[in-house]
């Protein structure tokens, strides 16, 4: 019987501002990668494949074949 397990990987990435979409697209083409948006709402953070400008902190290039959505750690609460 097989098990399903989540593996966390680390990538060095360059984060582009939302007005730098053309630069991000060029970098994705050069690196044979795909664009992801770093999205946030409240304390939650995640990466979402493709371009969207709603609730986006930045745009980055990741290798192909990754999931449509990648969860990231939530923001820490400094007031706890």
PDB file of N, CA and C in Angstrom:
ATOM      1  N   UNK A   1       0.850  -1.174   0.000  1.00  0.00           N
ATOM      2  CA  UNK A   1       0.000   0.000   0.000  1.00  0.00           C
ATOM      3  C   UNK A   1       0.901   1.244   0.000  1.00  0.00           C
ATOM      4  N   UNK A   2       0.555   2.223  -0.808  1.00  0.00           N
ATOM      5  CA  UNK A   2       1.338   3.457  -0.875  1.00  0.00           C
ATOM      6  C   UNK A   2       0.767   4.493   0.096  1.00  0.00           C
ATOM      7  N   UNK A   3       1.610   5.430   0.468  1.00  0.00           N
ATOM      8  CA  UNK A   3       1.217   6.536   1.332  1.00  0.00           C
ATOM      9  C   UNK A   3       1.335   7.838   0.569  1.00  0.00           C
ATOM     10  N   UNK A   4       0.506   8.787   0.904  1.00  0.00           N
ATOM     11  CA  UNK A   4       0.608  10.113   0.313  1.00  0.00           C
ATOM     12  C   UNK A   4       1.272  11.024   1.335  1.00  0.00           C
ATOM     13  N   UNK A   5       2.317  11.738   0.903  1.00  0.00           N
ATOM     14  CA  UNK A   5       3.077  12.589   1.810  1.00  0.00           C
ATOM     15  C   UNK A   5       3.381  13.920   1.144  1.00  0.00           C
ATOM     16  N   UNK A   6       3.355  14.985   1.906  1.00  0.00           N
ATOM     17  CA  UNK A   6       3.728  16.311   1.410  1.00  0.00           C
ATOM     18  C   UNK A   6       5.214  16.518   1.628  1.00  0.00           C
ATOM     19  N   UNK A   7       5.909  17.007   0.595  1.00  0.00           N
ATOM     20  CA  UNK A   7       7.336  17.291   0.680  1.00  0.00           C
ATOM     21  C   UNK A   7       7.513  18.798   0.483  1.00  0.00           C
ATOM     22  N   UNK A   8       8.196  19.408   1.401  1.00  0.00           N
ATOM     23  CA  UNK A   8       8.452  20.839   1.311  1.00  0.00           C
ATOM     24  C   UNK A   8       9.813  21.057   0.670  1.00  0.00           C
ATOM     25  N   UNK A   9       9.852  21.868  -0.390  1.00  0.00           N
ATOM     26  CA  UNK A   9      11.077  22.154  -1.120  1.00  0.00           C
ATOM     27  C   UNK A   9      11.405  23.638  -1.003  1.00  0.00           C
ATOM     28  N   UNK A  10      12.674  23.952  -1.080  1.00  0.00           N
ATOM     29  CA  UNK A  10      13.102  25.358  -1.032  1.00  0.00           C
ATOM     30  C   UNK A  10      13.674  25.750  -2.390  1.00  0.00           C
ATOM     31  N   UNK A  11      13.286  26.926  -2.888  1.00  0.00           N
ATOM     32  CA  UNK A  11      13.795  27.461  -4.142  1.00  0.00           C
ATOM     33  C   UNK A  11      14.260  28.892  -3.893  1.00  0.00           C
ATOM     34  N   UNK A  12      15.383  29.255  -4.458  1.00  0.00           N
ATOM     35  CA  UNK A  12      15.781  30.654  -4.482  1.00  0.00           C
ATOM     36  C   UNK A  12      15.014  31.304  -5.622  1.00  0.00           C
ATOM     37  N   UNK A  13      14.236  32.331  -5.315  1.00  0.00           N
ATOM     38  CA  UNK A  13      13.410  32.970  -6.336  1.00  0.00           C
ATOM     39  C   UNK A  13      13.577  34.480  -6.297  1.00  0.00           C
ATOM     40  N   UNK A  14      13.331  35.089  -7.430  1.00  0.00           N
ATOM     41  CA  UNK A  14      13.280  36.538  -7.544  1.00  0.00           C
ATOM     42  C   UNK A  14      11.805  36.924  -7.573  1.00  0.00           C
ATOM     43  N   UNK A  15      11.424  37.868  -6.736  1.00  0.00           N
ATOM     44  CA  UNK A  15      10.022  38.285  -6.674  1.00  0.00           C
ATOM     45  C   UNK A  15       9.868  39.603  -7.432  1.00  0.00           C
ATOM     46  N   UNK A  16       8.956  39.598  -8.392  1.00  0.00           N
ATOM     47  CA  UNK A  16       8.690  40.774  -9.213  1.00  0.00           C
ATOM     48  C   UNK A  16       7.467  41.504  -8.667  1.00  0.00           C
ATOM     49  N   UNK A  17       7.487  42.818  -8.728  1.00  0.00           N
ATOM     50  CA  UNK A  17       6.312  43.609  -8.382  1.00  0.00           C
ATOM     51  C   UNK A  17       5.228  43.366  -9.423  1.00  0.00           C
ATOM     52  N   UNK A  18       3.992  43.653  -9.067  1.00  0.00           N
ATOM     53  CA  UNK A  18       2.880  43.396  -9.986  1.00  0.00           C
ATOM     54  C   UNK A  18       2.978  44.211 -11.270  1.00  0.00           C
ATOM     55  N   UNK A  19       3.660  45.360 -11.234  1.00  0.00           N
ATOM     56  CA  UNK A  19       3.814  46.143 -12.470  1.00  0.00           C
ATOM     57  C   UNK A  19       4.978  45.650 -13.325  1.00  0.00           C
ATOM     58  N   UNK A  20       5.659  44.590 -12.899  1.00  0.00           N
ATOM     59  CA  UNK A  20       6.784  44.033 -13.650  1.00  0.00           C
ATOM     60  C   UNK A  20       6.435  42.692 -14.316  1.00  0.00           C
ATOM     61  N   UNK A  21       5.183  42.550 -14.724  1.00  0.00           N
ATOM     62  CA  UNK A  21       4.724  41.299 -15.337  1.00  0.00           C
ATOM     63  C   UNK A  21       5.543  40.939 -16.572  1.00  0.00           C
ATOM     64  N   UNK A  22       5.838  41.913 -17.422  1.00  0.00           N
ATOM     65  CA  UNK A  22       6.596  41.641 -18.648  1.00  0.00           C
ATOM     66  C   UNK A  22       7.983  41.083 -18.314  1.00  0.00           C
ATOM     67  N   UNK A  23       8.636  41.632 -17.302  1.00  0.00           N
ATOM     68  CA  UNK A  23       9.945  41.119 -16.886  1.00  0.00           C
ATOM     69  C   UNK A  23       9.827  39.695 -16.346  1.00  0.00           C
ATOM     70  N   UNK A  24       8.789  39.447 -15.562  1.00  0.00           N
ATOM     71  CA  UNK A  24       8.579  38.108 -15.007  1.00  0.00           C
ATOM     72  C   UNK A  24       8.318  37.101 -16.132  1.00  0.00           C
ATOM     73  N   UNK A  25       7.516  37.478 -17.124  1.00  0.00           N
ATOM     74  CA  UNK A  25       7.242  36.590 -18.258  1.00  0.00           C
ATOM     75  C   UNK A  25       8.527  36.279 -19.025  1.00  0.00           C
ATOM     76  N   UNK A  26       9.378  37.289 -19.213  1.00  0.00           N
ATOM     77  CA  UNK A  26      10.651  37.081 -19.908  1.00  0.00           C
ATOM     78  C   UNK A  26      11.525  36.107 -19.119  1.00  0.00           C
ATOM     79  N   UNK A  27      11.601  36.292 -17.805  1.00  0.00           N
ATOM     80  CA  UNK A  27      12.407  35.402 -16.961  1.00  0.00           C
ATOM     81  C   UNK A  27      11.865  33.969 -16.992  1.00  0.00           C
ATOM     82  N   UNK A  28      10.549  33.821 -16.986  1.00  0.00           N
ATOM     83  CA  UNK A  28       9.943  32.488 -17.048  1.00  0.00           C
ATOM     84  C   UNK A  28      10.298  31.809 -18.367  1.00  0.00           C
ATOM     85  N   UNK A  29      10.264  32.558 -19.474  1.00  0.00           N
ATOM     86  CA  UNK A  29      10.622  31.997 -20.775  1.00  0.00           C
ATOM     87  C   UNK A  29      12.085  31.568 -20.778  1.00  0.00           C
ATOM     88  N   UNK A  30      12.978  32.426 -20.274  1.00  0.00           N
ATOM     89  CA  UNK A  30      14.411  32.122 -20.256  1.00  0.00           C
ATOM     90  C   UNK A  30      14.734  30.910 -19.379  1.00  0.00           C
ATOM     91  N   UNK A  31      14.011  30.772 -18.278  1.00  0.00           N
ATOM     92  CA  UNK A  31      14.278  29.695 -17.319  1.00  0.00           C
ATOM     93  C   UNK A  31      13.426  28.454 -17.571  1.00  0.00           C
ATOM     94  N   UNK A  32      12.582  28.497 -18.609  1.00  0.00           N
ATOM     95  CA  UNK A  32      11.645  27.414 -18.886  1.00  0.00           C
ATOM     96  C   UNK A  32      10.805  27.104 -17.638  1.00  0.00           C
ATOM     97  N   UNK A  33      10.350  28.183 -17.013  1.00  0.00           N
ATOM     98  CA  UNK A  33       9.554  28.043 -15.798  1.00  0.00           C
ATOM     99  C   UNK A  33       8.143  28.549 -16.000  1.00  0.00           C
ATOM    100  N   UNK A  34       7.414  28.651 -14.898  1.00  0.00           N
ATOM    101  CA  UNK A  34       6.031  29.121 -14.934  1.00  0.00           C
ATOM    102  C   UNK A  34       5.849  30.227 -13.908  1.00  0.00           C
ATOM    103  N   UNK A  35       4.933  31.128 -14.216  1.00  0.00           N
ATOM    104  CA  UNK A  35       4.650  32.236 -13.315  1.00  0.00           C
ATOM    105  C   UNK A  35       3.679  31.811 -12.218  1.00  0.00           C
ATOM    106  N   UNK A  36       3.970  32.270 -11.015  1.00  0.00           N
ATOM    107  CA  UNK A  36       3.087  32.083  -9.868  1.00  0.00           C
ATOM    108  C   UNK A  36       2.883  33.434  -9.209  1.00  0.00           C
ATOM    109  N   UNK A  37       1.723  33.649  -8.653  1.00  0.00           N
ATOM    110  CA  UNK A  37       1.439  34.838  -7.871  1.00  0.00           C
ATOM    111  C   UNK A  37       1.514  34.476  -6.398  1.00  0.00           C
ATOM    112  N   UNK A  38       2.192  35.310  -5.627  1.00  0.00           N
ATOM    113  CA  UNK A  38       2.218  35.161  -4.185  1.00  0.00           C
ATOM    114  C   UNK A  38       0.994  35.899  -3.667  1.00  0.00           C
ATOM    115  N   UNK A  39       0.006  35.139  -3.215  1.00  0.00           N
ATOM    116  CA  UNK A  39      -1.264  35.722  -2.798  1.00  0.00           C
ATOM    117  C   UNK A  39      -1.356  35.714  -1.282  1.00  0.00           C
ATOM    118  N   UNK A  40      -2.117  36.643  -0.777  1.00  0.00           N
ATOM    119  CA  UNK A  40      -2.299  36.758   0.660  1.00  0.00           C
ATOM    120  C   UNK A  40      -3.674  37.319   0.975  1.00  0.00           C
ATOM    121  N   UNK A  41      -4.216  36.862   2.052  1.00  0.00           N
ATOM    122  CA  UNK A  41      -5.440  37.437   2.600  1.00  0.00           C
ATOM    123  C   UNK A  41      -5.407  37.178   4.100  1.00  0.00           C
ATOM    124  N   UNK A  42      -5.649  38.208   4.880  1.00  0.00           N
ATOM    125  CA  UNK A  42      -5.513  38.065   6.325  1.00  0.00           C
ATOM    126  C   UNK A  42      -4.085  37.661   6.665  1.00  0.00           C
ATOM    127  N   UNK A  43      -3.933  36.553   7.381  1.00  0.00           N
ATOM    128  CA  UNK A  43      -2.609  36.040   7.747  1.00  0.00           C
ATOM    129  C   UNK A  43      -2.165  34.892   6.841  1.00  0.00           C
ATOM    130  N   UNK A  44      -3.007  34.488   5.904  1.00  0.00           N
ATOM    131  CA  UNK A  44      -2.738  33.339   5.041  1.00  0.00           C
ATOM    132  C   UNK A  44      -1.936  33.731   3.812  1.00  0.00           C
ATOM    133  N   UNK A  45      -1.016  32.859   3.392  1.00  0.00           N
ATOM    134  CA  UNK A  45      -0.182  33.061   2.207  1.00  0.00           C
ATOM    135  C   UNK A  45      -0.161  31.780   1.378  1.00  0.00           C
ATOM    136  N   UNK A  46      -0.163  31.939   0.052  1.00  0.00           N
ATOM    137  CA  UNK A  46      -0.044  30.795  -0.836  1.00  0.00           C
ATOM    138  C   UNK A  46       0.436  31.278  -2.190  1.00  0.00           C
ATOM    139  N   UNK A  47       0.935  30.345  -2.988  1.00  0.00           N
ATOM    140  CA  UNK A  47       1.328  30.636  -4.361  1.00  0.00           C
ATOM    141  C   UNK A  47       0.281  30.045  -5.281  1.00  0.00           C
ATOM    142  N   UNK A  48      -0.083  30.780  -6.305  1.00  0.00           N
ATOM    143  CA  UNK A  48      -1.098  30.334  -7.261  1.00  0.00           C
ATOM    144  C   UNK A  48      -0.540  30.480  -8.669  1.00  0.00           C
ATOM    145  N   UNK A  49      -0.630  29.407  -9.443  1.00  0.00           N
ATOM    146  CA  UNK A  49      -0.101  29.409 -10.810  1.00  0.00           C
ATOM    147  C   UNK A  49      -0.860  30.407 -11.673  1.00  0.00           C
ATOM    148  N   UNK A  50      -0.144  31.074 -12.569  1.00  0.00           N
ATOM    149  CA  UNK A  50      -0.657  32.049 -13.537  1.00  0.00           C
ATOM    150  C   UNK A  50      -0.756  33.442 -12.923  1.00  0.00           C
ATOM    151  N   UNK A  51      -1.183  34.381 -13.738  1.00  0.00           N
ATOM    152  CA  UNK A  51      -1.221  35.784 -13.344  1.00  0.00           C
ATOM    153  C   UNK A  51      -2.602  36.167 -12.824  1.00  0.00           C
ATOM    154  N   UNK A  52      -2.589  36.810 -11.696  1.00  0.00           N
ATOM    155  CA  UNK A  52      -3.779  37.396 -11.097  1.00  0.00           C
ATOM    156  C   UNK A  52      -3.294  38.598 -10.314  1.00  0.00           C
ATOM    157  N   UNK A  53      -4.023  39.662 -10.276  1.00  0.00           N
ATOM    158  CA  UNK A  53      -3.568  40.842  -9.558  1.00  0.00           C
ATOM    159  C   UNK A  53      -4.396  41.135  -8.311  1.00  0.00           C
ATOM    160  N   UNK A  54      -5.262  40.210  -7.931  1.00  0.00           N
ATOM    161  CA  UNK A  54      -6.073  40.379  -6.737  1.00  0.00           C
ATOM    162  C   UNK A  54      -5.362  39.760  -5.533  1.00  0.00           C
ATOM    163  N   UNK A  55      -5.163  40.534  -4.485  1.00  0.00           N
ATOM    164  CA  UNK A  55      -4.505  40.082  -3.253  1.00  0.00           C
ATOM    165  C   UNK A  55      -3.101  39.532  -3.502  1.00  0.00           C
ATOM    166  N   UNK A  56      -2.344  40.143  -4.420  1.00  0.00           N
ATOM    167  CA  UNK A  56      -1.024  39.641  -4.799  1.00  0.00           C
ATOM    168  C   UNK A  56       0.078  40.497  -4.181  1.00  0.00           C
ATOM    169  N   UNK A  57       1.045  39.824  -3.534  1.00  0.00           N
ATOM    170  CA  UNK A  57       2.229  40.517  -3.014  1.00  0.00           C
ATOM    171  C   UNK A  57       3.303  40.636  -4.078  1.00  0.00           C
ATOM    172  N   UNK A  58       3.389  39.630  -4.960  1.00  0.00           N
ATOM    173  CA  UNK A  58       4.408  39.639  -5.992  1.00  0.00           C
ATOM    174  C   UNK A  58       4.239  38.478  -6.943  1.00  0.00           C
ATOM    175  N   UNK A  59       5.078  38.480  -7.978  1.00  0.00           N
ATOM    176  CA  UNK A  59       5.046  37.445  -9.010  1.00  0.00           C
ATOM    177  C   UNK A  59       6.413  36.777  -9.030  1.00  0.00           C
ATOM    178  N   UNK A  60       6.428  35.468  -9.119  1.00  0.00           N
ATOM    179  CA  UNK A  60       7.695  34.755  -9.163  1.00  0.00           C
ATOM    180  C   UNK A  60       7.668  33.642 -10.186  1.00  0.00           C
ATOM    181  N   UNK A  61       8.861  33.144 -10.522  1.00  0.00           N
ATOM    182  CA  UNK A  61       9.024  32.076 -11.506  1.00  0.00           C
ATOM    183  C   UNK A  61       9.451  30.814 -10.766  1.00  0.00           C
ATOM    184  N   UNK A  62       8.724  29.735 -10.989  1.00  0.00           N
ATOM    185  CA  UNK A  62       9.047  28.435 -10.398  1.00  0.00           C
ATOM    186  C   UNK A  62       9.180  27.395 -11.505  1.00  0.00           C
ATOM    187  N   UNK A  63       9.820  26.270 -11.198  1.00  0.00           N
ATOM    188  CA  UNK A  63       9.926  25.203 -12.197  1.00  0.00           C
ATOM    189  C   UNK A  63       8.551  24.700 -12.624  1.00  0.00           C
ATOM    190  N   UNK A  64       8.490  24.158 -13.813  1.00  0.00           N
ATOM    191  CA  UNK A  64       7.238  23.573 -14.312  1.00  0.00           C
ATOM    192  C   UNK A  64       6.897  22.310 -13.531  1.00  0.00           C
ATOM    193  N   UNK A  65       5.680  21.872 -13.699  1.00  0.00           N
ATOM    194  CA  UNK A  65       5.163  20.625 -13.131  1.00  0.00           C
ATOM    195  C   UNK A  65       4.853  20.710 -11.635  1.00  0.00           C
ATOM    196  N   UNK A  66       4.778  21.911 -11.075  1.00  0.00           N
ATOM    197  CA  UNK A  66       4.388  22.054  -9.672  1.00  0.00           C
ATOM    198  C   UNK A  66       2.871  22.210  -9.600  1.00  0.00           C
ATOM    199  N   UNK A  67       2.277  22.020  -8.430  1.00  0.00           N
ATOM    200  CA  UNK A  67       0.814  22.113  -8.294  1.00  0.00           C
ATOM    201  C   UNK A  67       0.272  23.501  -8.645  1.00  0.00           C
ATOM    202  N   UNK A  68      -1.015  23.551  -8.913  1.00  0.00           N
ATOM    203  CA  UNK A  68      -1.694  24.815  -9.223  1.00  0.00           C
ATOM    204  C   UNK A  68      -1.614  25.783  -8.048  1.00  0.00           C
ATOM    205  N   UNK A  69      -1.665  25.258  -6.836  1.00  0.00           N
ATOM    206  CA  UNK A  69      -1.592  26.079  -5.633  1.00  0.00           C
ATOM    207  C   UNK A  69      -0.603  25.456  -4.662  1.00  0.00           C
ATOM    208  N   UNK A  70       0.227  26.300  -4.053  1.00  0.00           N
ATOM    209  CA  UNK A  70       1.235  25.842  -3.096  1.00  0.00           C
ATOM    210  C   UNK A  70       1.034  26.635  -1.811  1.00  0.00           C
ATOM    211  N   UNK A  71       0.735  25.949  -0.717  1.00  0.00           N
ATOM    212  CA  UNK A  71       0.548  26.618   0.565  1.00  0.00           C
ATOM    213  C   UNK A  71       1.879  27.116   1.103  1.00  0.00           C
ATOM    214  N   UNK A  72       1.830  28.271   1.754  1.00  0.00           N
ATOM    215  CA  UNK A  72       2.998  28.858   2.404  1.00  0.00           C
ATOM    216  C   UNK A  72       2.642  29.106   3.864  1.00  0.00           C
ATOM    217  N   UNK A  73       3.654  29.285   4.708  1.00  0.00           N
ATOM    218  CA  UNK A  73       3.359  29.535   6.127  1.00  0.00           C
ATOM    219  C   UNK A  73       2.507  30.800   6.314  1.00  0.00           C
ATOM    220  N   UNK A  74       1.643  30.747   7.299  1.00  0.00           N
ATOM    221  CA  UNK A  74       0.838  31.919   7.655  1.00  0.00           C
ATOM    222  C   UNK A  74       1.733  32.959   8.325  1.00  0.00           C
ATOM    223  N   UNK A  75       1.316  34.215   8.255  1.00  0.00           N
ATOM    224  CA  UNK A  75       2.030  35.277   8.942  1.00  0.00           C
ATOM    225  C   UNK A  75       1.935  35.034  10.447  1.00  0.00           C
ATOM    226  N   UNK A  76       3.011  35.388  11.146  1.00  0.00           N
ATOM    227  CA  UNK A  76       2.988  35.264  12.602  1.00  0.00           C
ATOM    228  C   UNK A  76       2.312  36.479  13.196  1.00  0.00           C
ATOM    229  N   UNK A  77       1.620  36.270  14.313  1.00  0.00           N
ATOM    230  CA  UNK A  77       0.971  37.365  14.996  1.00  0.00           C
ATOM    231  C   UNK A  77       1.932  37.927  16.032  1.00  0.00           C
ATOM    232  N   UNK A  78       2.354  39.176  15.870  1.00  0.00           N
ATOM    233  CA  UNK A  78       3.295  39.810  16.789  1.00  0.00           C
ATOM    234  C   UNK A  78       2.651  40.182  18.123  1.00  0.00           C
ATOM    235  N   UNK A  79       1.348  40.039  18.225  1.00  0.00           N
ATOM    236  CA  UNK A  79       0.644  40.496  19.424  1.00  0.00           C
ATOM    237  C   UNK A  79       0.240  39.363  20.352  1.00  0.00           C
ATOM    238  N   UNK A  80       0.672  38.133  20.080  1.00  0.00           N
ATOM    239  CA  UNK A  80       0.318  36.998  20.962  1.00  0.00           C
ATOM    240  C   UNK A  80       1.124  37.026  22.236  1.00  0.00           C
TER     241      UNK A  80
END
